[in-house]
Amino acid sequence: MMPDLGAYRVEVLSAYAGTLLLLAVLVATSIWKARRTLRQLRDAEARRESVK
Protein backbone atom coordinates (compact mmCIF):
# COMPACT_ATOMS: atom_id res chain seq x y z
CA MET A 1 0.00 0.00 0.00
CA MET A 2 2.89 2.39 0.76
CA PRO A 3 4.78 3.37 -2.39
CA ASP A 4 8.53 3.01 -2.48
CA LEU A 5 9.89 6.50 -1.79
CA GLY A 6 13.51 5.53 -2.26
CA ALA A 7 16.12 8.03 -1.16
CA TYR A 8 13.50 10.68 -0.30
CA ARG A 9 11.61 8.58 2.23
CA VAL A 10 12.65 10.64 5.27
CA GLU A 11 11.88 13.98 3.60
CA VAL A 12 8.47 12.92 2.30
CA LEU A 13 7.35 11.30 5.55
CA SER A 14 8.55 14.26 7.62
CA ALA A 15 6.64 16.61 5.30
CA TYR A 16 3.49 14.52 5.82
CA ALA A 17 4.04 14.52 9.59
CA GLY A 18 4.61 18.27 9.64
CA THR A 19 1.49 18.89 7.60
CA LEU A 20 -0.64 16.72 9.88
CA LEU A 21 0.79 18.45 12.94
CA LEU A 22 0.05 21.91 11.55
CA LEU A 23 -3.46 20.85 10.58
CA ALA A 24 -4.07 19.53 14.10
CA VAL A 25 -2.81 22.81 15.59
CA LEU A 26 -5.10 24.83 13.31
CA VAL A 27 -8.15 22.75 14.22
CA ALA A 28 -7.36 22.91 17.95
CA THR A 29 -6.83 26.67 17.78
CA SER A 30 -10.10 27.15 15.91
CA ILE A 31 -12.03 25.14 18.48
CA TRP A 32 -10.37 27.02 21.35
CA LYS A 33 -11.18 30.42 19.83
CA ALA A 34 -14.77 29.39 19.08
CA ARG A 35 -15.32 28.31 22.68
CA ARG A 36 -13.74 31.52 23.98
CA THR A 37 -15.92 33.64 21.69
CA LEU A 38 -19.06 31.76 22.71
CA ARG A 39 -18.20 32.28 26.38
CA GLN A 40 -17.64 36.01 25.80
CA LEU A 41 -20.94 36.27 23.93
CA ARG A 42 -22.82 34.55 26.73
CA ASP A 43 -21.19 36.87 29.29
CA ALA A 44 -22.15 39.94 27.25
CA GLU A 45 -25.73 38.71 26.89
CA ALA A 46 -25.92 38.04 30.63
CA ARG A 47 -24.68 41.56 31.39
CA ARG A 48 -27.23 42.98 28.96
CA GLU A 49 -30.05 41.05 30.62
CA SER A 50 -28.99 42.21 34.09
CA VAL A 51 -29.15 45.86 32.97
CA LYS A 52 -32.79 45.60 31.83
PDB file of N, CA and C in Angstrom:
ATOM      1  N   MET A   1       0.820  -1.177   0.000  1.00  0.00           N
ATOM      2  CA  MET A   1       0.000   0.000   0.000  1.00  0.00           C
ATOM      3  C   MET A   1       0.877   1.259   0.000  1.00  0.00           C
ATOM      4  N   MET A   2       1.982   1.238   0.708  1.00  0.00           N
ATOM      5  CA  MET A   2       2.885   2.389   0.762  1.00  0.00           C
ATOM      6  C   MET A   2       3.835   2.322  -0.435  1.00  0.00           C
ATOM      7  N   PRO A   3       3.871   3.384  -1.240  1.00  0.00           N
ATOM      8  CA  PRO A   3       4.776   3.366  -2.393  1.00  0.00           C
ATOM      9  C   PRO A   3       6.230   3.456  -1.939  1.00  0.00           C
ATOM     10  N   ASP A   4       7.106   2.949  -2.773  1.00  0.00           N
ATOM     11  CA  ASP A   4       8.535   3.014  -2.483  1.00  0.00           C
ATOM     12  C   ASP A   4       9.009   4.447  -2.725  1.00  0.00           C
ATOM     13  N   LEU A   5       9.465   5.107  -1.684  1.00  0.00           N
ATOM     14  CA  LEU A   5       9.887   6.498  -1.789  1.00  0.00           C
ATOM     15  C   LEU A   5      11.389   6.631  -2.037  1.00  0.00           C
ATOM     16  N   GLY A   6      12.089   5.525  -1.950  1.00  0.00           N
ATOM     17  CA  GLY A   6      13.510   5.533  -2.257  1.00  0.00           C
ATOM     18  C   GLY A   6      14.311   6.427  -1.335  1.00  0.00           C
ATOM     19  N   ALA A   7      15.194   7.208  -1.925  1.00  0.00           N
ATOM     20  CA  ALA A   7      16.116   8.033  -1.159  1.00  0.00           C
ATOM     21  C   ALA A   7      15.418   9.205  -0.468  1.00  0.00           C
ATOM     22  N   TYR A   8      14.207   9.522  -0.862  1.00  0.00           N
ATOM     23  CA  TYR A   8      13.501  10.676  -0.305  1.00  0.00           C
ATOM     24  C   TYR A   8      12.485  10.305   0.777  1.00  0.00           C
ATOM     25  N   ARG A   9      12.576   9.078   1.262  1.00  0.00           N
ATOM     26  CA  ARG A   9      11.610   8.578   2.229  1.00  0.00           C
ATOM     27  C   ARG A   9      11.520   9.474   3.469  1.00  0.00           C
ATOM     28  N   VAL A  10      12.640   9.840   4.047  1.00  0.00           N
ATOM     29  CA  VAL A  10      12.653  10.642   5.273  1.00  0.00           C
ATOM     30  C   VAL A  10      12.036  12.016   5.012  1.00  0.00           C
ATOM     31  N   GLU A  11      12.392  12.647   3.915  1.00  0.00           N
ATOM     32  CA  GLU A  11      11.882  13.980   3.601  1.00  0.00           C
ATOM     33  C   GLU A  11      10.375  13.974   3.367  1.00  0.00           C
ATOM     34  N   VAL A  12       9.903  12.995   2.612  1.00  0.00           N
ATOM     35  CA  VAL A  12       8.471  12.919   2.300  1.00  0.00           C
ATOM     36  C   VAL A  12       7.659  12.614   3.554  1.00  0.00           C
ATOM     37  N   LEU A  13       8.097  11.653   4.341  1.00  0.00           N
ATOM     38  CA  LEU A  13       7.354  11.302   5.551  1.00  0.00           C
ATOM     39  C   LEU A  13       7.388  12.426   6.579  1.00  0.00           C
ATOM     40  N   SER A  14       8.501  13.134   6.682  1.00  0.00           N
ATOM     41  CA  SER A  14       8.547  14.259   7.616  1.00  0.00           C
ATOM     42  C   SER A  14       7.655  15.401   7.131  1.00  0.00           C
ATOM     43  N   ALA A  15       7.543  15.587   5.824  1.00  0.00           N
ATOM     44  CA  ALA A  15       6.636  16.610   5.296  1.00  0.00           C
ATOM     45  C   ALA A  15       5.188  16.233   5.608  1.00  0.00           C
ATOM     46  N   TYR A  16       4.838  14.965   5.457  1.00  0.00           N
ATOM     47  CA  TYR A  16       3.488  14.521   5.822  1.00  0.00           C
ATOM     48  C   TYR A  16       3.235  14.737   7.311  1.00  0.00           C
ATOM     49  N   ALA A  17       4.188  14.366   8.137  1.00  0.00           N
ATOM     50  CA  ALA A  17       4.036  14.516   9.589  1.00  0.00           C
ATOM     51  C   ALA A  17       3.895  15.993   9.959  1.00  0.00           C
ATOM     52  N   GLY A  18       4.693  16.841   9.369  1.00  0.00           N
ATOM     53  CA  GLY A  18       4.606  18.266   9.643  1.00  0.00           C
ATOM     54  C   GLY A  18       3.273  18.842   9.230  1.00  0.00           C
ATOM     55  N   THR A  19       2.776  18.415   8.091  1.00  0.00           N
ATOM     56  CA  THR A  19       1.485  18.887   7.604  1.00  0.00           C
ATOM     57  C   THR A  19       0.360  18.455   8.536  1.00  0.00           C
ATOM     58  N   LEU A  20       0.388  17.212   8.960  1.00  0.00           N
ATOM     59  CA  LEU A  20      -0.644  16.722   9.881  1.00  0.00           C
ATOM     60  C   LEU A  20      -0.571  17.445  11.220  1.00  0.00           C
ATOM     61  N   LEU A  21       0.633  17.728  11.683  1.00  0.00           N
ATOM     62  CA  LEU A  21       0.793  18.453  12.938  1.00  0.00           C
ATOM     63  C   LEU A  21       0.232  19.873  12.817  1.00  0.00           C
ATOM     64  N   LEU A  22       0.569  20.565  11.749  1.00  0.00           N
ATOM     65  CA  LEU A  22       0.052  21.914  11.546  1.00  0.00           C
ATOM     66  C   LEU A  22      -1.471  21.925  11.412  1.00  0.00           C
ATOM     67  N   LEU A  23      -2.012  20.952  10.727  1.00  0.00           N
ATOM     68  CA  LEU A  23      -3.461  20.853  10.584  1.00  0.00           C
ATOM     69  C   LEU A  23      -4.122  20.636  11.944  1.00  0.00           C
ATOM     70  N   ALA A  24      -3.529  19.778  12.761  1.00  0.00           N
ATOM     71  CA  ALA A  24      -4.072  19.531  14.096  1.00  0.00           C
ATOM     72  C   ALA A  24      -4.017  20.797  14.950  1.00  0.00           C
ATOM     73  N   VAL A  25      -2.935  21.561  14.844  1.00  0.00           N
ATOM     74  CA  VAL A  25      -2.814  22.814  15.593  1.00  0.00           C
ATOM     75  C   VAL A  25      -3.867  23.810  15.129  1.00  0.00           C
ATOM     76  N   LEU A  26      -4.091  23.917  13.830  1.00  0.00           N
ATOM     77  CA  LEU A  26      -5.104  24.835  13.310  1.00  0.00           C
ATOM     78  C   LEU A  26      -6.504  24.468  13.792  1.00  0.00           C
ATOM     79  N   VAL A  27      -6.829  23.198  13.772  1.00  0.00           N
ATOM     80  CA  VAL A  27      -8.147  22.749  14.223  1.00  0.00           C
ATOM     81  C   VAL A  27      -8.311  23.019  15.717  1.00  0.00           C
ATOM     82  N   ALA A  28      -7.291  22.690  16.507  1.00  0.00           N
ATOM     83  CA  ALA A  28      -7.363  22.908  17.950  1.00  0.00           C
ATOM     84  C   ALA A  28      -7.500  24.394  18.266  1.00  0.00           C
ATOM     85  N   THR A  29      -6.751  25.234  17.564  1.00  0.00           N
ATOM     86  CA  THR A  29      -6.833  26.675  17.781  1.00  0.00           C
ATOM     87  C   THR A  29      -8.211  27.203  17.405  1.00  0.00           C
ATOM     88  N   SER A  30      -8.763  26.720  16.326  1.00  0.00           N
ATOM     89  CA  SER A  30     -10.098  27.153  15.907  1.00  0.00           C
ATOM     90  C   SER A  30     -11.149  26.777  16.942  1.00  0.00           C
ATOM     91  N   ILE A  31     -11.076  25.579  17.460  1.00  0.00           N
ATOM     92  CA  ILE A  31     -12.031  25.136  18.481  1.00  0.00           C
ATOM     93  C   ILE A  31     -11.874  25.964  19.740  1.00  0.00           C
ATOM     94  N   TRP A  32     -10.635  26.223  20.153  1.00  0.00           N
ATOM     95  CA  TRP A  32     -10.372  27.015  21.352  1.00  0.00           C
ATOM     96  C   TRP A  32     -10.925  28.435  21.201  1.00  0.00           C
ATOM     97  N   LYS A  33     -10.677  29.059  20.059  1.00  0.00           N
ATOM     98  CA  LYS A  33     -11.178  30.417  19.832  1.00  0.00           C
ATOM     99  C   LYS A  33     -12.705  30.452  19.762  1.00  0.00           C
ATOM    100  N   ALA A  34     -13.305  29.439  19.164  1.00  0.00           N
ATOM    101  CA  ALA A  34     -14.770  29.393  19.077  1.00  0.00           C
ATOM    102  C   ALA A  34     -15.383  29.275  20.463  1.00  0.00           C
ATOM    103  N   ARG A  35     -14.807  28.451  21.312  1.00  0.00           N
ATOM    104  CA  ARG A  35     -15.318  28.306  22.678  1.00  0.00           C
ATOM    105  C   ARG A  35     -15.137  29.600  23.462  1.00  0.00           C
ATOM    106  N   ARG A  36     -13.994  30.257  23.289  1.00  0.00           N
ATOM    107  CA  ARG A  36     -13.742  31.521  23.981  1.00  0.00           C
ATOM    108  C   ARG A  36     -14.738  32.589  23.523  1.00  0.00           C
ATOM    109  N   THR A  37     -14.982  32.654  22.225  1.00  0.00           N
ATOM    110  CA  THR A  37     -15.919  33.636  21.692  1.00  0.00           C
ATOM    111  C   THR A  37     -17.334  33.365  22.185  1.00  0.00           C
ATOM    112  N   LEU A  38     -17.736  32.118  22.206  1.00  0.00           N
ATOM    113  CA  LEU A  38     -19.062  31.760  22.713  1.00  0.00           C
ATOM    114  C   LEU A  38     -19.209  32.143  24.180  1.00  0.00           C
ATOM    115  N   ARG A  39     -18.160  31.910  24.971  1.00  0.00           N
ATOM    116  CA  ARG A  39     -18.195  32.283  26.379  1.00  0.00           C
ATOM    117  C   ARG A  39     -18.308  33.798  26.537  1.00  0.00           C
ATOM    118  N   GLN A  40     -17.566  34.549  25.738  1.00  0.00           N
ATOM    119  CA  GLN A  40     -17.638  36.007  25.800  1.00  0.00           C
ATOM    120  C   GLN A  40     -19.022  36.507  25.383  1.00  0.00           C
ATOM    121  N   LEU A  41     -19.601  35.882  24.369  1.00  0.00           N
ATOM    122  CA  LEU A  41     -20.941  36.268  23.928  1.00  0.00           C
ATOM    123  C   LEU A  41     -21.976  36.005  25.015  1.00  0.00           C
ATOM    124  N   ARG A  42     -21.881  34.861  25.645  1.00  0.00           N
ATOM    125  CA  ARG A  42     -22.823  34.549  26.732  1.00  0.00           C
ATOM    126  C   ARG A  42     -22.666  35.523  27.895  1.00  0.00           C
ATOM    127  N   ASP A  43     -21.426  35.890  28.225  1.00  0.00           N
ATOM    128  CA  ASP A  43     -21.194  36.866  29.289  1.00  0.00           C
ATOM    129  C   ASP A  43     -21.793  38.218  28.926  1.00  0.00           C
ATOM    130  N   ALA A  44     -21.606  38.649  27.689  1.00  0.00           N
ATOM    131  CA  ALA A  44     -22.147  39.938  27.248  1.00  0.00           C
ATOM    132  C   ALA A  44     -23.671  39.917  27.284  1.00  0.00           C
ATOM    133  N   GLU A  45     -24.271  38.822  26.860  1.00  0.00           N
ATOM    134  CA  GLU A  45     -25.733  38.714  26.895  1.00  0.00           C
ATOM    135  C   GLU A  45     -26.243  38.707  28.329  1.00  0.00           C
ATOM    136  N   ALA A  46     -25.508  38.055  29.235  1.00  0.00           N
ATOM    137  CA  ALA A  46     -25.925  38.035  30.628  1.00  0.00           C
ATOM    138  C   ALA A  46     -25.845  39.436  31.227  1.00  0.00           C
ATOM    139  N   ARG A  47     -24.789  40.182  30.904  1.00  0.00           N
ATOM    140  CA  ARG A  47     -24.679  41.559  31.389  1.00  0.00           C
ATOM    141  C   ARG A  47     -25.807  42.413  30.840  1.00  0.00           C
ATOM    142  N   ARG A  48     -26.144  42.198  29.582  1.00  0.00           N
ATOM    143  CA  ARG A  48     -27.234  42.977  28.958  1.00  0.00           C
ATOM    144  C   ARG A  48     -28.568  42.685  29.638  1.00  0.00           C
ATOM    145  N   GLU A  49     -28.809  41.431  29.960  1.00  0.00           N
ATOM    146  CA  GLU A  49     -30.054  41.050  30.623  1.00  0.00           C
ATOM    147  C   GLU A  49     -30.123  41.624  32.032  1.00  0.00           C
ATOM    148  N   SER A  50     -28.979  41.710  32.712  1.00  0.00           N
ATOM    149  CA  SER A  50     -28.993  42.207  34.088  1.00  0.00           C
ATOM    150  C   SER A  50     -29.229  43.728  34.136  1.00  0.00           C
ATOM    151  N   VAL A  51     -28.940  44.420  33.035  1.00  0.00           N
ATOM    152  CA  VAL A  51     -29.153  45.865  32.969  1.00  0.00           C
ATOM    153  C   VAL A  51     -30.626  46.184  32.810  1.00  0.00           C
ATOM    154  N   LYS A  52     -31.360  45.343  32.110  1.00  0.00           N
ATOM    155  CA  LYS A  52     -32.786  45.603  31.830  1.00  0.00           C
ATOM    156  C   LYS A  52     -33.618  45.627  33.057  1.00  0.00           C
TER     157      LYS A  52
END
